[in-house]
Amino acid sequence: MWRDLLDAWARKLKPDDVVVTEATANAAAAVEVMSPCAGKVAVANPSRYG
């Protein structure tokens, strides 16, 4: 189910969008979905930044 929601959201991204997602078990799958749509997709570990 979350994949359908993520696909729908990712299709709204533009090539000049930058997306940062939290480093979780599903981060790689999320990056795979968002990368073709966004200009840049990064994964961050929040414990390293705050």
PDB file of N, CA and C in Angstrom:
ATOM      1  N   MET A   1       0.808  -1.190   0.000  1.00  0.00           N
ATOM      2  CA  MET A   1       0.000   0.000   0.000  1.00  0.00           C
ATOM      3  C   MET A   1       0.861   1.268   0.000  1.00  0.00           C
ATOM      4  N   TRP A   2       1.909   1.280   0.844  1.00  0.00           N
ATOM      5  CA  TRP A   2       2.730   2.488   0.895  1.00  0.00           C
ATOM      6  C   TRP A   2       3.397   2.748  -0.436  1.00  0.00           C
ATOM      7  N   ARG A   3       3.690   1.688  -1.190  1.00  0.00           N
ATOM      8  CA  ARG A   3       4.348   1.861  -2.491  1.00  0.00           C
ATOM      9  C   ARG A   3       3.453   2.644  -3.452  1.00  0.00           C
ATOM     10  N   ASP A   4       2.162   2.355  -3.445  1.00  0.00           N
ATOM     11  CA  ASP A   4       1.229   3.092  -4.304  1.00  0.00           C
ATOM     12  C   ASP A   4       1.191   4.571  -3.931  1.00  0.00           C
ATOM     13  N   LEU A   5       1.170   4.853  -2.647  1.00  0.00           N
ATOM     14  CA  LEU A   5       1.160   6.244  -2.184  1.00  0.00           C
ATOM     15  C   LEU A   5       2.467   6.950  -2.541  1.00  0.00           C
ATOM     16  N   LEU A   6       3.575   6.250  -2.368  1.00  0.00           N
ATOM     17  CA  LEU A   6       4.865   6.837  -2.702  1.00  0.00           C
ATOM     18  C   LEU A   6       4.981   7.080  -4.201  1.00  0.00           C
ATOM     19  N   ASP A   7       4.530   6.132  -5.014  1.00  0.00           N
ATOM     20  CA  ASP A   7       4.531   6.313  -6.477  1.00  0.00           C
ATOM     21  C   ASP A   7       3.739   7.553  -6.879  1.00  0.00           C
ATOM     22  N   ALA A   8       2.561   7.708  -6.305  1.00  0.00           N
ATOM     23  CA  ALA A   8       1.711   8.860  -6.635  1.00  0.00           C
ATOM     24  C   ALA A   8       2.384  10.163  -6.225  1.00  0.00           C
ATOM     25  N   TRP A   9       3.007  10.178  -5.061  1.00  0.00           N
ATOM     26  CA  TRP A   9       3.692  11.380  -4.595  1.00  0.00           C
ATOM     27  C   TRP A   9       4.920  11.670  -5.451  1.00  0.00           C
ATOM     28  N   ALA A  10       5.691  10.641  -5.777  1.00  0.00           N
ATOM     29  CA  ALA A  10       6.921  10.820  -6.559  1.00  0.00           C
ATOM     30  C   ALA A  10       6.629  11.381  -7.944  1.00  0.00           C
ATOM     31  N   ARG A  11       5.514  11.015  -8.525  1.00  0.00           N
ATOM     32  CA  ARG A  11       5.162  11.527  -9.856  1.00  0.00           C
ATOM     33  C   ARG A  11       4.954  13.039  -9.855  1.00  0.00           C
ATOM     34  N   LYS A  12       4.735  13.621  -8.687  1.00  0.00           N
ATOM     35  CA  LYS A  12       4.561  15.073  -8.580  1.00  0.00           C
ATOM     36  C   LYS A  12       5.901  15.807  -8.480  1.00  0.00           C
ATOM     37  N   LEU A  13       6.981  15.067  -8.274  1.00  0.00           N
ATOM     38  CA  LEU A  13       8.301  15.684  -8.160  1.00  0.00           C
ATOM     39  C   LEU A  13       8.768  16.191  -9.516  1.00  0.00           C
ATOM     40  N   LYS A  14       9.631  17.195  -9.454  1.00  0.00           N
ATOM     41  CA  LYS A  14      10.169  17.801 -10.673  1.00  0.00           C
ATOM     42  C   LYS A  14      11.686  17.636 -10.687  1.00  0.00           C
ATOM     43  N   PRO A  15      12.298  17.761 -11.854  1.00  0.00           N
ATOM     44  CA  PRO A  15      13.750  17.576 -11.943  1.00  0.00           C
ATOM     45  C   PRO A  15      14.574  18.526 -11.078  1.00  0.00           C
ATOM     46  N   ASP A  16      14.015  19.649 -10.674  1.00  0.00           N
ATOM     47  CA  ASP A  16      14.769  20.558  -9.815  1.00  0.00           C
ATOM     48  C   ASP A  16      14.473  20.353  -8.328  1.00  0.00           C
ATOM     49  N   ASP A  17      13.689  19.339  -7.984  1.00  0.00           N
ATOM     50  CA  ASP A  17      13.391  19.023  -6.582  1.00  0.00           C
ATOM     51  C   ASP A  17      14.524  18.216  -5.962  1.00  0.00           C
ATOM     52  N   VAL A  18      14.771  18.481  -4.684  1.00  0.00           N
ATOM     53  CA  VAL A  18      15.733  17.724  -3.891  1.00  0.00           C
ATOM     54  C   VAL A  18      14.958  17.083  -2.749  1.00  0.00           C
ATOM     55  N   VAL A  19      15.128  15.784  -2.564  1.00  0.00           N
ATOM     56  CA  VAL A  19      14.403  15.038  -1.535  1.00  0.00           C
ATOM     57  C   VAL A  19      15.420  14.397  -0.592  1.00  0.00           C
ATOM     58  N   VAL A  20      15.168  14.514   0.710  1.00  0.00           N
ATOM     59  CA  VAL A  20      15.989  13.830   1.711  1.00  0.00           C
ATOM     60  C   VAL A  20      15.068  12.903   2.479  1.00  0.00           C
ATOM     61  N   THR A  21      15.455  11.649   2.585  1.00  0.00           N
ATOM     62  CA  THR A  21      14.654  10.681   3.318  1.00  0.00           C
ATOM     63  C   THR A  21      15.480  10.116   4.466  1.00  0.00           C
ATOM     64  N   GLU A  22      14.804   9.699   5.498  1.00  0.00           N
ATOM     65  CA  GLU A  22      15.478   9.154   6.671  1.00  0.00           C
ATOM     66  C   GLU A  22      16.043   7.770   6.366  1.00  0.00           C
ATOM     67  N   ALA A  23      17.203   7.485   6.899  1.00  0.00           N
ATOM     68  CA  ALA A  23      17.840   6.185   6.725  1.00  0.00           C
ATOM     69  C   ALA A  23      17.089   5.146   7.553  1.00  0.00           C
ATOM     70  N   THR A  24      16.268   4.357   6.886  1.00  0.00           N
ATOM     71  CA  THR A  24      15.514   3.282   7.524  1.00  0.00           C
ATOM     72  C   THR A  24      15.674   2.019   6.681  1.00  0.00           C
ATOM     73  N   ALA A  25      15.030   0.957   7.096  1.00  0.00           N
ATOM     74  CA  ALA A  25      15.113  -0.301   6.357  1.00  0.00           C
ATOM     75  C   ALA A  25      14.546  -0.171   4.948  1.00  0.00           C
ATOM     76  N   ASN A  26      13.583   0.731   4.749  1.00  0.00           N
ATOM     77  CA  ASN A  26      12.951   0.891   3.436  1.00  0.00           C
ATOM     78  C   ASN A  26      13.533   2.032   2.616  1.00  0.00           C
ATOM     79  N   ALA A  27      14.586   2.653   3.081  1.00  0.00           N
ATOM     80  CA  ALA A  27      15.135   3.820   2.395  1.00  0.00           C
ATOM     81  C   ALA A  27      15.562   3.507   0.961  1.00  0.00           C
ATOM     82  N   ALA A  28      16.199   2.384   0.743  1.00  0.00           N
ATOM     83  CA  ALA A  28      16.669   2.045  -0.605  1.00  0.00           C
ATOM     84  C   ALA A  28      15.500   1.912  -1.569  1.00  0.00           C
ATOM     85  N   ALA A  29      14.418   1.311  -1.128  1.00  0.00           N
ATOM     86  CA  ALA A  29      13.237   1.165  -1.986  1.00  0.00           C
ATOM     87  C   ALA A  29      12.620   2.527  -2.282  1.00  0.00           C
ATOM     88  N   ALA A  30      12.580   3.391  -1.290  1.00  0.00           N
ATOM     89  CA  ALA A  30      12.025   4.730  -1.485  1.00  0.00           C
ATOM     90  C   ALA A  30      12.883   5.533  -2.456  1.00  0.00           C
ATOM     91  N   VAL A  31      14.185   5.438  -2.324  1.00  0.00           N
ATOM     92  CA  VAL A  31      15.092   6.140  -3.233  1.00  0.00           C
ATOM     93  C   VAL A  31      14.904   5.637  -4.658  1.00  0.00           C
ATOM     94  N   GLU A  32      14.726   4.353  -4.817  1.00  0.00           N
ATOM     95  CA  GLU A  32      14.510   3.762  -6.145  1.00  0.00           C
ATOM     96  C   GLU A  32      13.264   4.340  -6.811  1.00  0.00           C
ATOM     97  N   VAL A  33      12.228   4.569  -6.037  1.00  0.00           N
ATOM     98  CA  VAL A  33      10.982   5.122  -6.581  1.00  0.00           C
ATOM     99  C   VAL A  33      11.139   6.610  -6.903  1.00  0.00           C
ATOM    100  N   MET A  34      11.801   7.351  -6.037  1.00  0.00           N
ATOM    101  CA  MET A  34      11.884   8.802  -6.196  1.00  0.00           C
ATOM    102  C   MET A  34      12.955   9.264  -7.173  1.00  0.00           C
ATOM    103  N   SER A  35      14.023   8.517  -7.312  1.00  0.00           N
ATOM    104  CA  SER A  35      15.164   8.956  -8.128  1.00  0.00           C
ATOM    105  C   SER A  35      14.832   9.319  -9.575  1.00  0.00           C
ATOM    106  N   PRO A  36      13.988   8.573 -10.268  1.00  0.00           N
ATOM    107  CA  PRO A  36      13.691   8.948 -11.649  1.00  0.00           C
ATOM    108  C   PRO A  36      12.914  10.261 -11.772  1.00  0.00           C
ATOM    109  N   CYS A  37      12.294  10.695 -10.685  1.00  0.00           N
ATOM    110  CA  CYS A  37      11.425  11.871 -10.735  1.00  0.00           C
ATOM    111  C   CYS A  37      12.091  13.134 -10.210  1.00  0.00           C
ATOM    112  N   ALA A  38      12.911  13.010  -9.186  1.00  0.00           N
ATOM    113  CA  ALA A  38      13.523  14.169  -8.539  1.00  0.00           C
ATOM    114  C   ALA A  38      14.918  14.416  -9.095  1.00  0.00           C
ATOM    115  N   GLY A  39      15.368  15.643  -8.953  1.00  0.00           N
ATOM    116  CA  GLY A  39      16.707  15.976  -9.398  1.00  0.00           C
ATOM    117  C   GLY A  39      17.777  15.323  -8.546  1.00  0.00           C
ATOM    118  N   LYS A  40      17.517  15.236  -7.233  1.00  0.00           N
ATOM    119  CA  LYS A  40      18.465  14.609  -6.327  1.00  0.00           C
ATOM    120  C   LYS A  40      17.708  13.992  -5.170  1.00  0.00           C
ATOM    121  N   VAL A  41      18.114  12.799  -4.786  1.00  0.00           N
ATOM    122  CA  VAL A  41      17.529  12.114  -3.632  1.00  0.00           C
ATOM    123  C   VAL A  41      18.680  11.694  -2.723  1.00  0.00           C
ATOM    124  N   ALA A  42      18.595  12.069  -1.458  1.00  0.00           N
ATOM    125  CA  ALA A  42      19.637  11.728  -0.491  1.00  0.00           C
ATOM    126  C   ALA A  42      19.026  10.986   0.680  1.00  0.00           C
ATOM    127  N   VAL A  43      19.848  10.183   1.329  1.00  0.00           N
ATOM    128  CA  VAL A  43      19.444   9.460   2.535  1.00  0.00           C
ATOM    129  C   VAL A  43      20.276  10.007   3.686  1.00  0.00           C
ATOM    130  N   ALA A  44      19.600  10.378   4.774  1.00  0.00           N
ATOM    131  CA  ALA A  44      20.293  10.951   5.925  1.00  0.00           C
ATOM    132  C   ALA A  44      19.965  10.171   7.192  1.00  0.00           C
ATOM    133  N   ASN A  45      20.946  10.085   8.059  1.00  0.00           N
ATOM    134  CA  ASN A  45      20.771   9.478   9.371  1.00  0.00           C
ATOM    135  C   ASN A  45      20.551  10.620  10.361  1.00  0.00           C
ATOM    136  N   PRO A  46      19.337  10.791  10.875  1.00  0.00           N
ATOM    137  CA  PRO A  46      19.042  11.941  11.738  1.00  0.00           C
ATOM    138  C   PRO A  46      19.869  11.971  13.018  1.00  0.00           C
ATOM    139  N   SER A  47      20.322  10.841  13.500  1.00  0.00           N
ATOM    140  CA  SER A  47      21.112  10.843  14.731  1.00  0.00           C
ATOM    141  C   SER A  47      22.483  11.482  14.509  1.00  0.00           C
ATOM    142  N   ARG A  48      22.916  11.587  13.276  1.00  0.00           N
ATOM    143  CA  ARG A  48      24.193  12.236  12.973  1.00  0.00           C
ATOM    144  C   ARG A  48      24.058  13.752  12.852  1.00  0.00           C
ATOM    145  N   TYR A  49      22.822  14.243  12.758  1.00  0.00           N
ATOM    146  CA  TYR A  49      22.617  15.664  12.509  1.00  0.00           C
ATOM    147  C   TYR A  49      21.802  16.360  13.585  1.00  0.00           C
ATOM    148  N   GLY A  50      21.634  15.768  14.701  1.00  0.00           N
ATOM    149  CA  GLY A  50      20.838  16.507  15.619  1.00  0.00           C
ATOM    150  C   GLY A  50      20.691  15.995  16.963  1.00  0.00           C
TER     151      GLY A  50
END
